[in-house]
C-alpha atoms as a PDB file:
ATOM      1  CA  MET A   1     125.846  71.818 136.670  1.00  0.00           C
ATOM      2  CA  SER A   2     128.030  74.272 138.561  1.00  0.00           C
ATOM      3  CA  GLU A   3     130.270  73.219 141.407  1.00  0.00           C
ATOM      4  CA  HIS A   4     128.306  74.923 144.144  1.00  0.00           C
ATOM      5  CA  THR A   5     124.830  74.321 142.748  1.00  0.00           C
ATOM      6  CA  SER A   6     125.339  70.594 142.945  1.00  0.00           C
ATOM      7  CA  GLN A   7     126.405  70.923 146.550  1.00  0.00           C
ATOM      8  CA  THR A   8     123.172  72.564 147.601  1.00  0.00           C
ATOM      9  CA  ARG A   9     121.113  69.584 146.462  1.00  0.00           C
ATOM     10  CA  GLY A  10     121.162  67.056 149.242  1.00  0.00           C
ATOM     11  CA  MET A  11     119.391  63.966 150.346  1.00  0.00           C
ATOM     12  CA  THR A  12     115.751  64.941 149.889  1.00  0.00           C
ATOM     13  CA  THR A  13     114.364  61.531 150.802  1.00  0.00           C
ATOM     14  CA  VAL A  14     114.855  62.092 154.548  1.00  0.00           C
ATOM     15  CA  PRO A  15     113.008  64.993 156.244  1.00  0.00           C
ATOM     16  CA  PRO A  16     115.557  67.525 157.576  1.00  0.00           C
ATOM     17  CA  LEU A  17     114.426  67.321 161.206  1.00  0.00           C
ATOM     18  CA  VAL A  18     114.515  63.521 161.127  1.00  0.00           C
ATOM     19  CA  LEU A  19     117.995  63.531 159.621  1.00  0.00           C
ATOM     20  CA  LEU A  20     119.176  66.065 162.198  1.00  0.00           C
ATOM     21  CA  ALA A  21     117.728  63.986 165.048  1.00  0.00           C
ATOM     22  CA  ILE A  22     119.395  60.816 163.748  1.00  0.00           C
ATOM     23  CA  VAL A  23     122.783  62.525 163.482  1.00  0.00           C
ATOM     24  CA  VAL A  24     122.592  64.147 166.942  1.00  0.00           C
ATOM     25  CA  VAL A  25     121.359  60.991 168.690  1.00  0.00           C
ATOM     26  CA  THR A  26     124.050  58.901 166.990  1.00  0.00           C
ATOM     27  CA  ILE A  27     126.816  61.276 168.069  1.00  0.00           C
ATOM     28  CA  GLY A  28     125.236  61.448 171.522  1.00  0.00           C
ATOM     29  CA  LEU A  29     125.991  57.752 172.009  1.00  0.00           C
ATOM     30  CA  TYR A  30     129.735  58.436 171.799  1.00  0.00           C
ATOM     31  CA  PRO A  31     130.317  58.793 175.589  1.00  0.00           C
ATOM     32  CA  LEU A  32     128.521  55.495 176.208  1.00  0.00           C
ATOM     33  CA  ILE A  33     130.674  53.608 173.688  1.00  0.00           C
ATOM     34  CA  PHE A  34     133.989  55.450 173.715  1.00  0.00           C
ATOM     35  CA  GLY A  35     133.987  56.871 177.241  1.00  0.00           C
ATOM     36  CA  GLN A  36     137.758  56.442 177.523  1.00  0.00           C
ATOM     37  CA  PHE A  37     138.322  58.783 174.580  1.00  0.00           C
ATOM     38  CA  MET A  38     136.316  61.789 175.715  1.00  0.00           C
ATOM     39  CA  ASN A  39     139.058  64.315 174.978  1.00  0.00           C
ATOM     40  CA  LEU A  40     139.168  63.168 171.349  1.00  0.00           C
ATOM     41  CA  GLY A  41     135.379  63.353 171.020  1.00  0.00           C
ATOM     42  CA  ILE A  42     135.148  66.842 172.491  1.00  0.00           C
ATOM     43  CA  SER A  43     138.021  68.141 170.358  1.00  0.00           C
ATOM     44  CA  ILE A  44     136.524  66.766 167.136  1.00  0.00           C
ATOM     45  CA  LEU A  45     133.073  68.172 167.932  1.00  0.00           C
ATOM     46  CA  LEU A  46     134.484  71.576 168.848  1.00  0.00           C
ATOM     47  CA  PHE A  47     136.315  71.907 165.554  1.00  0.00           C
ATOM     48  CA  ALA A  48     133.277  70.569 163.734  1.00  0.00           C
ATOM     49  CA  GLY A  49     131.353  73.464 165.273  1.00  0.00           C
ATOM     50  CA  PHE A  50     134.057  75.944 164.261  1.00  0.00           C
ATOM     51  CA  ALA A  51     134.009  74.553 160.705  1.00  0.00           C
ATOM     52  CA  LEU A  52     130.201  74.706 160.529  1.00  0.00           C
ATOM     53  CA  ALA A  53     130.355  78.351 161.597  1.00  0.00           C
ATOM     54  CA  TRP A  54     133.113  79.074 159.049  1.00  0.00           C
ATOM     55  CA  ASP A  55     130.953  77.567 156.319  1.00  0.00           C
ATOM     56  CA  ILE A  56     128.275  80.244 156.792  1.00  0.00           C
ATOM     57  CA  LEU A  57     130.659  82.699 155.142  1.00  0.00           C
ATOM     58  CA  GLY A  58     133.180  80.418 153.454  1.00  0.00           C
ATOM     59  CA  GLY A  59     130.735  77.916 151.993  1.00  0.00           C
ATOM     60  CA  TRP A  60     127.364  79.558 151.554  1.00  0.00           C
ATOM     61  CA  ALA A  61     128.772  82.969 150.611  1.00  0.00           C
ATOM     62  CA  GLY A  62     132.037  81.759 149.050  1.00  0.00           C
ATOM     63  CA  GLN A  63     134.234  84.164 151.040  1.00  0.00           C
ATOM     64  CA  ASN A  64     137.401  82.480 152.313  1.00  0.00           C
ATOM     65  CA  SER A  65     138.357  83.689 155.773  1.00  0.00           C
ATOM     66  CA  LEU A  66     141.599  82.646 157.448  1.00  0.00           C
ATOM     67  CA  GLY A  67     141.052  84.761 160.543  1.00  0.00           C
ATOM     68  CA  ASN A  68     138.419  82.832 162.455  1.00  0.00           C
ATOM     69  CA  ALA A  69     140.812  82.167 165.316  1.00  0.00           C
ATOM     70  CA  VAL A  70     140.090  85.770 166.331  1.00  0.00           C
ATOM     71  CA  PHE A  71     136.505  84.893 167.225  1.00  0.00           C
ATOM     72  CA  VAL A  72     137.634  81.725 168.998  1.00  0.00           C
ATOM     73  CA  GLY A  73     139.944  83.853 171.120  1.00  0.00           C
ATOM     74  CA  ILE A  74     137.320  86.511 171.825  1.00  0.00           C
ATOM     75  CA  GLY A  75     134.862  83.890 173.037  1.00  0.00           C
ATOM     76  CA  ALA A  76     137.460  82.261 175.270  1.00  0.00           C
ATOM     77  CA  TYR A  77     138.926  85.490 176.667  1.00  0.00           C
ATOM     78  CA  SER A  78     135.485  86.962 177.360  1.00  0.00           C
ATOM     79  CA  VAL A  79     134.676  84.022 179.615  1.00  0.00           C
ATOM     80  CA  ALA A  80     138.134  83.988 181.235  1.00  0.00           C
ATOM     81  CA  ILE A  81     138.314  87.732 181.934  1.00  0.00           C
ATOM     82  CA  LEU A  82     134.817  88.002 183.366  1.00  0.00           C
ATOM     83  CA  HIS A  83     135.419  84.855 185.428  1.00  0.00           C
ATOM     84  CA  GLN A  84     138.044  86.825 187.380  1.00  0.00           C
ATOM     85  CA  PHE A  85     135.215  89.031 188.629  1.00  0.00           C
ATOM     86  CA  GLY A  86     133.011  86.115 189.627  1.00  0.00           C
ATOM     87  CA  ILE A  87     130.776  86.299 186.547  1.00  0.00           C
ATOM     88  CA  ALA A  88     129.425  82.949 185.352  1.00  0.00           C
ATOM     89  CA  PRO A  89     130.744  81.612 182.024  1.00  0.00           C
ATOM     90  CA  TRP A  90     127.379  81.769 180.276  1.00  0.00           C
ATOM     91  CA  TRP A  91     127.298  85.536 180.805  1.00  0.00           C
ATOM     92  CA  GLY A  92     130.866  85.701 179.531  1.00  0.00           C
ATOM     93  CA  MET A  93     129.752  83.853 176.400  1.00  0.00           C
ATOM     94  CA  LEU A  94     127.016  86.418 175.841  1.00  0.00           C
ATOM     95  CA  VAL A  95     129.566  89.209 176.092  1.00  0.00           C
ATOM     96  CA  GLY A  96     131.817  87.336 173.669  1.00  0.00           C
ATOM     97  CA  ILE A  97     128.944  86.987 171.217  1.00  0.00           C
ATOM     98  CA  GLY A  98     128.317  90.735 171.367  1.00  0.00           C
ATOM     99  CA  VAL A  99     131.986  91.681 170.981  1.00  0.00           C
ATOM    100  CA  SER A 100     132.463  89.223 168.116  1.00  0.00           C
ATOM    101  CA  GLY A 101     129.373  90.507 166.351  1.00  0.00           C
ATOM    102  CA  LEU A 102     130.538  94.109 166.606  1.00  0.00           C
ATOM    103  CA  LEU A 103     134.065  93.253 165.467  1.00  0.00           C
ATOM    104  CA  ALA A 104     132.748  91.242 162.516  1.00  0.00           C
ATOM    105  CA  TRP A 105     130.476  94.097 161.533  1.00  0.00           C
ATOM    106  CA  GLY A 106     133.296  96.657 161.553  1.00  0.00           C
ATOM    107  CA  TRP A 107     135.794  94.232 160.041  1.00  0.00           C
ATOM    108  CA  GLY A 108     133.422  93.208 157.260  1.00  0.00           C
ATOM    109  CA  ALA A 109     132.337  96.771 156.494  1.00  0.00           C
ATOM    110  CA  LEU A 110     135.975  97.590 155.723  1.00  0.00           C
ATOM    111  CA  THR A 111     137.131  94.413 153.979  1.00  0.00           C
ATOM    112  CA  PHE A 112     134.123  93.384 151.897  1.00  0.00           C
ATOM    113  CA  ARG A 113     135.083  96.058 149.421  1.00  0.00           C
ATOM    114  CA  LEU A 114     137.805  93.566 148.493  1.00  0.00           C
ATOM    115  CA  ARG A 115     137.184  90.393 146.512  1.00  0.00           C
ATOM    116  CA  GLY A 116     138.818  87.006 146.128  1.00  0.00           C
ATOM    117  CA  SER A 117     142.310  86.492 147.497  1.00  0.00           C
ATOM    118  CA  TYR A 118     142.550  90.111 148.667  1.00  0.00           C
ATOM    119  CA  PHE A 119     139.759  89.550 151.179  1.00  0.00           C
ATOM    120  CA  THR A 120     141.453  86.346 152.381  1.00  0.00           C
ATOM    121  CA  LEU A 121     144.764  88.156 152.872  1.00  0.00           C
ATOM    122  CA  SER A 122     142.999  90.908 154.798  1.00  0.00           C
ATOM    123  CA  THR A 123     141.586  88.359 157.257  1.00  0.00           C
ATOM    124  CA  ILE A 124     145.093  87.033 157.925  1.00  0.00           C
ATOM    125  CA  ALA A 125     146.353  90.563 158.565  1.00  0.00           C
ATOM    126  CA  VAL A 126     143.531  91.447 160.966  1.00  0.00           C
ATOM    127  CA  ALA A 127     143.922  88.141 162.815  1.00  0.00           C
ATOM    128  CA  GLU A 128     147.633  88.765 163.315  1.00  0.00           C
ATOM    129  CA  ILE A 129     146.964  92.277 164.599  1.00  0.00           C
ATOM    130  CA  ILE A 130     144.509  90.930 167.177  1.00  0.00           C
ATOM    131  CA  ARG A 131     147.015  88.250 168.250  1.00  0.00           C
ATOM    132  CA  LEU A 132     149.742  90.859 168.791  1.00  0.00           C
ATOM    133  CA  ILE A 133     147.351  93.004 170.810  1.00  0.00           C
ATOM    134  CA  ALA A 134     146.512  90.016 173.023  1.00  0.00           C
ATOM    135  CA  LEU A 135     150.217  89.286 173.509  1.00  0.00           C
ATOM    136  CA  ASN A 136     151.119  92.839 174.508  1.00  0.00           C
ATOM    137  CA  GLU A 137     148.108  94.013 176.540  1.00  0.00           C
ATOM    138  CA  ASP A 138     149.024  92.154 179.720  1.00  0.00           C
ATOM    139  CA  TRP A 139     146.555  94.134 181.824  1.00  0.00           C
ATOM    140  CA  LEU A 140     143.676  92.539 179.932  1.00  0.00           C
ATOM    141  CA  THR A 141     144.854  89.166 178.611  1.00  0.00           C
ATOM    142  CA  SER A 142     147.864  88.372 180.870  1.00  0.00           C
ATOM    143  CA  GLY A 143     150.003  88.289 177.732  1.00  0.00           C
ATOM    144  CA  SER A 144     151.781  85.095 176.768  1.00  0.00           C
ATOM    145  CA  GLU A 145     151.047  83.526 180.168  1.00  0.00           C
ATOM    146  CA  GLY A 146     147.361  83.417 179.349  1.00  0.00           C
ATOM    147  CA  LYS A 147     144.468  82.973 181.736  1.00  0.00           C
ATOM    148  CA  ASN A 148     143.371  79.963 183.762  1.00  0.00           C
ATOM    149  CA  LEU A 149     139.947  78.954 184.968  1.00  0.00           C
ATOM    150  CA  GLY A 150     139.510  78.184 188.633  1.00  0.00           C
ATOM    151  CA  SER A 151     136.370  76.764 190.150  1.00  0.00           C
ATOM    152  CA  LEU A 152     133.159  77.219 188.187  1.00  0.00           C
ATOM    153  CA  PRO A 153     129.534  77.425 189.292  1.00  0.00           C
ATOM    154  CA  SER A 154     127.350  74.497 188.340  1.00  0.00           C
ATOM    155  CA  LEU A 155     124.903  74.763 185.466  1.00  0.00           C
ATOM    156  CA  PHE A 156     121.545  73.294 186.509  1.00  0.00           C
ATOM    157  CA  GLY A 157     123.480  71.148 188.961  1.00  0.00           C
ATOM    158  CA  LEU A 158     125.966  69.956 186.325  1.00  0.00           C
ATOM    159  CA  ASP A 159     129.738  70.063 186.809  1.00  0.00           C
ATOM    160  CA  LEU A 160     131.172  72.100 183.925  1.00  0.00           C
ATOM    161  CA  PHE A 161     134.542  70.386 184.351  1.00  0.00           C
ATOM    162  CA  ASP A 162     132.990  66.966 183.794  1.00  0.00           C
ATOM    163  CA  ARG A 163     134.028  65.684 180.354  1.00  0.00           C
ATOM    164  CA  ARG A 164     130.614  64.172 179.616  1.00  0.00           C
ATOM    165  CA  VAL A 165     128.889  67.441 180.465  1.00  0.00           C
ATOM    166  CA  GLU A 166     131.319  69.317 178.225  1.00  0.00           C
ATOM    167  CA  PHE A 167     130.724  66.810 175.423  1.00  0.00           C
ATOM    168  CA  TYR A 168     126.973  67.295 175.467  1.00  0.00           C
ATOM    169  CA  LEU A 169     127.299  71.074 175.702  1.00  0.00           C
ATOM    170  CA  VAL A 170     129.481  71.019 172.588  1.00  0.00           C
ATOM    171  CA  LEU A 171     127.036  68.622 170.907  1.00  0.00           C
ATOM    172  CA  LEU A 172     124.243  71.105 171.621  1.00  0.00           C
ATOM    173  CA  PHE A 173     126.382  73.803 169.991  1.00  0.00           C
ATOM    174  CA  VAL A 174     126.925  71.630 166.898  1.00  0.00           C
ATOM    175  CA  ALA A 175     123.231  70.679 166.746  1.00  0.00           C
ATOM    176  CA  ALA A 176     122.269  74.367 166.791  1.00  0.00           C
ATOM    177  CA  LEU A 177     124.605  75.050 163.862  1.00  0.00           C
ATOM    178  CA  LEU A 178     123.245  72.080 161.903  1.00  0.00           C
ATOM    179  CA  ALA A 179     119.698  73.299 162.522  1.00  0.00           C
ATOM    180  CA  PHE A 180     120.761  76.752 161.363  1.00  0.00           C
ATOM    181  CA  GLY A 181     122.218  75.188 158.219  1.00  0.00           C
ATOM    182  CA  HIS A 182     118.900  73.490 157.443  1.00  0.00           C
ATOM    183  CA  TRP A 183     117.110  76.804 157.944  1.00  0.00           C
ATOM    184  CA  LEU A 184     119.636  78.685 155.810  1.00  0.00           C
ATOM    185  CA  LYS A 185     119.216  76.262 152.918  1.00  0.00           C
ATOM    186  CA  THR A 186     115.607  77.349 152.360  1.00  0.00           C
ATOM    187  CA  ALA A 187     115.684  80.874 153.817  1.00  0.00           C
ATOM    188  CA  LYS A 188     115.869  84.055 151.760  1.00  0.00           C
ATOM    189  CA  LEU A 189     119.292  84.812 153.245  1.00  0.00           C
ATOM    190  CA  GLY A 190     120.558  81.455 152.010  1.00  0.00           C
ATOM    191  CA  PHE A 191     119.401  82.174 148.468  1.00  0.00           C
ATOM    192  CA  TYR A 192     121.046  85.604 148.634  1.00  0.00           C
ATOM    193  CA  LEU A 193     124.333  84.114 149.811  1.00  0.00           C
ATOM    194  CA  ARG A 194     124.361  81.437 147.106  1.00  0.00           C
ATOM    195  CA  ALA A 195     123.611  84.054 144.462  1.00  0.00           C
ATOM    196  CA  VAL A 196     126.519  86.187 145.686  1.00  0.00           C
ATOM    197  CA  ARG A 197     128.778  83.138 145.766  1.00  0.00           C
ATOM    198  CA  GLU A 198     128.012  82.220 142.159  1.00  0.00           C
ATOM    199  CA  ASP A 199     128.266  85.722 140.658  1.00  0.00           C
ATOM    200  CA  GLU A 200     128.198  89.008 142.562  1.00  0.00           C
ATOM    201  CA  ASP A 201     127.418  91.087 139.488  1.00  0.00           C
ATOM    202  CA  SER A 202     124.465  88.894 138.547  1.00  0.00           C
ATOM    203  CA  ALA A 203     123.255  89.000 142.148  1.00  0.00           C
ATOM    204  CA  MET A 204     123.307  92.808 142.047  1.00  0.00           C
ATOM    205  CA  ALA A 205     121.308  92.708 138.810  1.00  0.00           C
ATOM    206  CA  LEU A 206     118.659  90.721 140.695  1.00  0.00           C
ATOM    207  CA  GLY A 207     118.435  93.427 143.358  1.00  0.00           C
ATOM    208  CA  ILE A 208     120.613  91.716 145.967  1.00  0.00           C
ATOM    209  CA  ASN A 209     123.070  93.783 147.976  1.00  0.00           C
ATOM    210  CA  PRO A 210     126.201  91.557 148.032  1.00  0.00           C
ATOM    211  CA  ALA A 211     127.972  93.584 150.717  1.00  0.00           C
ATOM    212  CA  ARG A 212     124.982  93.393 153.060  1.00  0.00           C
ATOM    213  CA  ALA A 213     124.525  89.642 152.495  1.00  0.00           C
ATOM    214  CA  LYS A 214     128.210  88.901 153.109  1.00  0.00           C
ATOM    215  CA  LEU A 215     128.277  91.169 156.145  1.00  0.00           C
ATOM    216  CA  THR A 216     125.286  89.351 157.653  1.00  0.00           C
ATOM    217  CA  ALA A 217     127.015  86.009 157.086  1.00  0.00           C
ATOM    218  CA  PHE A 218     130.244  87.337 158.617  1.00  0.00           C
ATOM    219  CA  VAL A 219     128.499  88.587 161.745  1.00  0.00           C
ATOM    220  CA  LEU A 220     126.649  85.295 162.198  1.00  0.00           C
ATOM    221  CA  MET A 221     129.860  83.349 161.662  1.00  0.00           C
ATOM    222  CA  GLY A 222     131.704  85.433 164.246  1.00  0.00           C
ATOM    223  CA  MET A 223     128.967  85.102 166.854  1.00  0.00           C
ATOM    224  CA  PHE A 224     128.668  81.333 166.466  1.00  0.00           C
ATOM    225  CA  THR A 225     132.451  80.889 166.524  1.00  0.00           C
ATOM    226  CA  SER A 226     132.644  82.931 169.719  1.00  0.00           C
ATOM    227  CA  ILE A 227     130.300  80.496 171.458  1.00  0.00           C
ATOM    228  CA  GLY A 228     132.624  77.674 170.472  1.00  0.00           C
ATOM    229  CA  GLY A 229     135.564  79.650 171.842  1.00  0.00           C
ATOM    230  CA  GLY A 230     133.886  79.872 175.230  1.00  0.00           C
ATOM    231  CA  LEU A 231     133.245  76.129 175.209  1.00  0.00           C
ATOM    232  CA  TRP A 232     136.866  75.521 174.191  1.00  0.00           C
ATOM    233  CA  LEU A 233     138.002  77.410 177.288  1.00  0.00           C
ATOM    234  CA  LEU A 234     135.806  75.194 179.492  1.00  0.00           C
ATOM    235  CA  TYR A 235     137.404  72.166 177.872  1.00  0.00           C
ATOM    236  CA  LEU A 236     141.045  73.323 178.058  1.00  0.00           C
ATOM    237  CA  GLY A 237     140.807  75.169 181.381  1.00  0.00           C
ATOM    238  CA  ARG A 238     143.144  77.907 180.164  1.00  0.00           C
ATOM    239  CA  ILE A 239     143.700  80.199 177.186  1.00  0.00           C
ATOM    240  CA  ASP A 240     146.657  82.096 175.736  1.00  0.00           C
ATOM    241  CA  PRO A 241     147.291  83.909 172.420  1.00  0.00           C
ATOM    242  CA  ASP A 242     149.515  81.161 171.012  1.00  0.00           C
ATOM    243  CA  THR A 243     146.807  78.554 171.558  1.00  0.00           C
ATOM    244  CA  ALA A 244     143.672  80.223 170.229  1.00  0.00           C
ATOM    245  CA  LEU A 245     144.734  83.222 168.147  1.00  0.00           C
ATOM    246  CA  VAL A 246     147.227  81.671 165.746  1.00  0.00           C
ATOM    247  CA  ILE A 247     146.795  81.257 161.989  1.00  0.00           C
ATOM    248  CA  PRO A 248     147.116  77.411 162.063  1.00  0.00           C
ATOM    249  CA  VAL A 249     143.863  77.248 164.036  1.00  0.00           C
ATOM    250  CA  SER A 250     142.102  79.291 161.358  1.00  0.00           C
ATOM    251  CA  ILE A 251     143.590  77.129 158.605  1.00  0.00           C
ATOM    252  CA  GLN A 252     142.502  73.924 160.322  1.00  0.00           C
ATOM    253  CA  ILE A 253     138.957  75.238 160.679  1.00  0.00           C
ATOM    254  CA  ALA A 254     138.777  76.140 156.983  1.00  0.00           C
ATOM    255  CA  LEU A 255     140.304  72.846 155.855  1.00  0.00           C
ATOM    256  CA  LEU A 256     137.743  70.772 157.733  1.00  0.00           C
ATOM    257  CA  ALA A 257     134.903  72.576 155.964  1.00  0.00           C
ATOM    258  CA  ILE A 258     136.568  72.413 152.539  1.00  0.00           C
ATOM    259  CA  ILE A 259     137.477  68.734 152.810  1.00  0.00           C
ATOM    260  CA  GLY A 260     134.075  67.773 154.186  1.00  0.00           C
ATOM    261  CA  GLY A 261     132.256  69.796 151.541  1.00  0.00           C
ATOM    262  CA  ARG A 262     131.795  73.547 151.711  1.00  0.00           C
ATOM    263  CA  GLY A 263     128.303  74.871 151.176  1.00  0.00           C
ATOM    264  CA  THR A 264     126.771  71.622 152.436  1.00  0.00           C
ATOM    265  CA  ILE A 265     124.939  71.225 155.722  1.00  0.00           C
ATOM    266  CA  TYR A 266     126.849  68.216 157.053  1.00  0.00           C
ATOM    267  CA  GLY A 267     130.130  68.573 155.163  1.00  0.00           C
ATOM    268  CA  PRO A 268     132.100  70.352 157.914  1.00  0.00           C
ATOM    269  CA  LEU A 269     130.907  67.804 160.487  1.00  0.00           C
ATOM    270  CA  VAL A 270     131.969  64.907 158.268  1.00  0.00           C
ATOM    271  CA  GLY A 271     135.289  66.624 157.570  1.00  0.00           C
ATOM    272  CA  ALA A 272     135.981  66.978 161.294  1.00  0.00           C
ATOM    273  CA  PHE A 273     135.442  63.269 161.919  1.00  0.00           C
ATOM    274  CA  ILE A 274     137.175  62.024 158.755  1.00  0.00           C
ATOM    275  CA  ILE A 275     140.251  64.173 159.325  1.00  0.00           C
ATOM    276  CA  GLY A 276     140.194  64.528 163.116  1.00  0.00           C
ATOM    277  CA  ILE A 277     140.337  60.843 163.998  1.00  0.00           C
ATOM    278  CA  PRO A 278     143.229  59.893 161.648  1.00  0.00           C
ATOM    279  CA  SER A 279     145.211  62.988 162.666  1.00  0.00           C
ATOM    280  CA  GLU A 280     144.922  61.982 166.334  1.00  0.00           C
ATOM    281  CA  ILE A 281     146.044  58.433 165.507  1.00  0.00           C
ATOM    282  CA  PHE A 282     148.964  59.734 163.451  1.00  0.00           C
ATOM    283  CA  ARG A 283     149.972  62.062 166.284  1.00  0.00           C
ATOM    284  CA  SER A 284     150.020  59.203 168.785  1.00  0.00           C
ATOM    285  CA  VAL A 285     151.713  56.592 166.584  1.00  0.00           C
ATOM    286  CA  LEU A 286     153.944  58.539 164.190  1.00  0.00           C
ATOM    287  CA  LYS A 287     154.993  61.407 166.478  1.00  0.00           C
ATOM    288  CA  GLU A 288     156.845  64.041 164.396  1.00  0.00           C
ATOM    289  CA  ALA A 289     155.966  62.347 161.089  1.00  0.00           C
ATOM    290  CA  ASN A 290     152.233  62.769 161.665  1.00  0.00           C
ATOM    291  CA  LEU A 291     152.080  66.148 159.903  1.00  0.00           C
ATOM    292  CA  LEU A 292     153.505  64.636 156.713  1.00  0.00           C
ATOM    293  CA  VAL A 293     150.912  61.857 156.611  1.00  0.00           C
ATOM    294  CA  TYR A 294     148.185  64.301 157.591  1.00  0.00           C
ATOM    295  CA  GLY A 295     149.213  66.604 154.742  1.00  0.00           C
ATOM    296  CA  VAL A 296     149.265  63.754 152.203  1.00  0.00           C
ATOM    297  CA  LEU A 297     145.770  62.706 153.295  1.00  0.00           C
ATOM    298  CA  ILE A 298     144.475  66.246 152.803  1.00  0.00           C
ATOM    299  CA  VAL A 299     146.074  66.489 149.343  1.00  0.00           C
ATOM    300  CA  LEU A 300     144.505  63.178 148.285  1.00  0.00           C
ATOM    301  CA  VAL A 301     141.043  64.320 149.357  1.00  0.00           C
ATOM    302  CA  ILE A 302     141.388  67.678 147.591  1.00  0.00           C
ATOM    303  CA  VAL A 303     142.710  66.099 144.356  1.00  0.00           C
ATOM    304  CA  TYR A 304     140.242  63.231 144.083  1.00  0.00           C
ATOM    305  CA  LEU A 305     137.251  64.847 145.808  1.00  0.00           C
ATOM    306  CA  PRO A 306     137.459  68.527 144.726  1.00  0.00           C
ATOM    307  CA  LYS A 307     133.923  69.262 145.947  1.00  0.00           C
ATOM    308  CA  GLY A 308     134.651  67.710 149.313  1.00  0.00           C
ATOM    309  CA  ILE A 309     133.420  64.409 150.682  1.00  0.00           C
ATOM    310  CA  VAL A 310     129.768  65.333 151.143  1.00  0.00           C
ATOM    311  CA  GLY A 311     129.699  67.584 148.077  1.00  0.00           C
ATOM    312  CA  THR A 312     130.969  64.768 145.873  1.00  0.00           C
ATOM    313  CA  PHE A 313     128.473  62.314 147.360  1.00  0.00           C
ATOM    314  CA  GLU A 314     125.581  64.729 146.852  1.00  0.00           C
ATOM    315  CA  GLU A 315     126.588  65.261 143.230  1.00  0.00           C
ATOM    316  CA  TRP A 316     126.780  61.504 142.649  1.00  0.00           C
ATOM    317  CA  LEU A 317     123.388  61.018 144.310  1.00  0.00           C
ATOM    318  CA  TYR A 318     121.822  63.768 142.220  1.00  0.00           C
ATOM    319  CA  LYS A 319     123.160  62.294 138.972  1.00  0.00           C
ATOM    320  CA  ARG A 320     121.879  58.875 139.992  1.00  0.00           C
ATOM    321  CA  GLN A 321     118.417  60.310 140.658  1.00  0.00           C
ATOM    322  CA  HIS A 322     118.460  62.287 137.367  1.00  0.00           C
ATOM    323  CA  PRO A 323     120.263  60.029 134.875  1.00  0.00           C
ATOM    324  CA  LEU A 324     118.803  61.832 131.844  1.00  0.00           C
ATOM    325  CA  GLU A 325     120.082  65.269 132.845  1.00  0.00           C
ATOM    326  CA  LYS A 326     122.995  66.391 130.757  1.00  0.00           C
ATOM    327  CA  ARG A 327     126.284  66.307 132.563  1.00  0.00           C
ATOM    328  CA  GLY A 328     127.096  69.904 131.785  1.00  0.00           C
ATOM    329  CA  SER A 329     123.748  71.444 132.743  1.00  0.00           C
END
C-alpha cells in the first residue's frame, strides 16, 4: 500500500456529514468551557484553517508550497486598505479572494513547469518578492509600520471585535474547509489530484492534465487562505509585512498539515491542536527555550509517525479492518 493511498482511506463507519457535525459542535463548545483562553482558541483555529487550505495543494496534489504567507497577507491587506475608505471587511475579503485567485493563477502558470524541490524553492522566492514589495510600497501598505483597524461596522448586529464572535467566524471558516475536504475526497478533481500526486506521467497517460489540476488546486488554496488572512486581521487588529508575509508563517502552516497528516481531511486540524497547544504552553513556561522543545516534538512526530498523526491512525485502522491484505499491497 502506498503512503498516500493509505491516507485517503478514512473512517468509513461514520457518515461524513455526521462526523463533520460532531467535530464542529465539539469545537464550538470551546468558548463555553475555556472562555478565559479565547486568544489561544482563535489562533489555533486560524492556523488550522491555513493548514487545511495548504493541504489542498500540498496534501491532495503533493506540491509543497512554502509561500502561503503571501495569501495570508493579501487577505489581511485587502481588508485593511479598503477599510480606510469606509468599505466593510466582508467586501475587503471578497477583493482579497479575487486578488489571491488571480495571483495564484499567474504564479502557478509559471511555476508548475517545475517539479519537486524546484517548485518549493520558487514559492519561497515569490513570497520574498511580495514581502519586499509590501515593505517598500508605503503608499499602499504603509511599509514596516503596517496598518491598523479602527472601528468596524457590526455584522448582523454582532461586534467583530468580540473574541467569541471572532472565534465562531473562524470556526465557520474551518468548517467550510472541512466540508470542502469531504467533497474533494469523492469529487473528480480529488481523483485527478491524487493521481498527479502519485505519478504525473501515469496521470497524463490516463488523460489527466497535471498542470491544470495543480493550477486549480493552487487557485483554490490561495482563495481559501486569503479568507483566513482577512479573519486574522480582525483578530490581531493590525497587519504589517513582518507579521504576515514572512517565511516562518508559511513553514508553520505546512508543518501543521504534515504533522497532522497531509492528504487527510482532518489531519491539518488535528496537527494544529496537537502542536498549537503545547507550543503555547512552552512559550509561556520555558520562554526562550520553547523553540528547542517545540522542534524536538516536531522531530519525534516526523520520525515515529512519518504519515502524520491522522495518516498513521487511518493506516492502522485500515489494516485492522483488512487483516488478510498483504502488507505491501
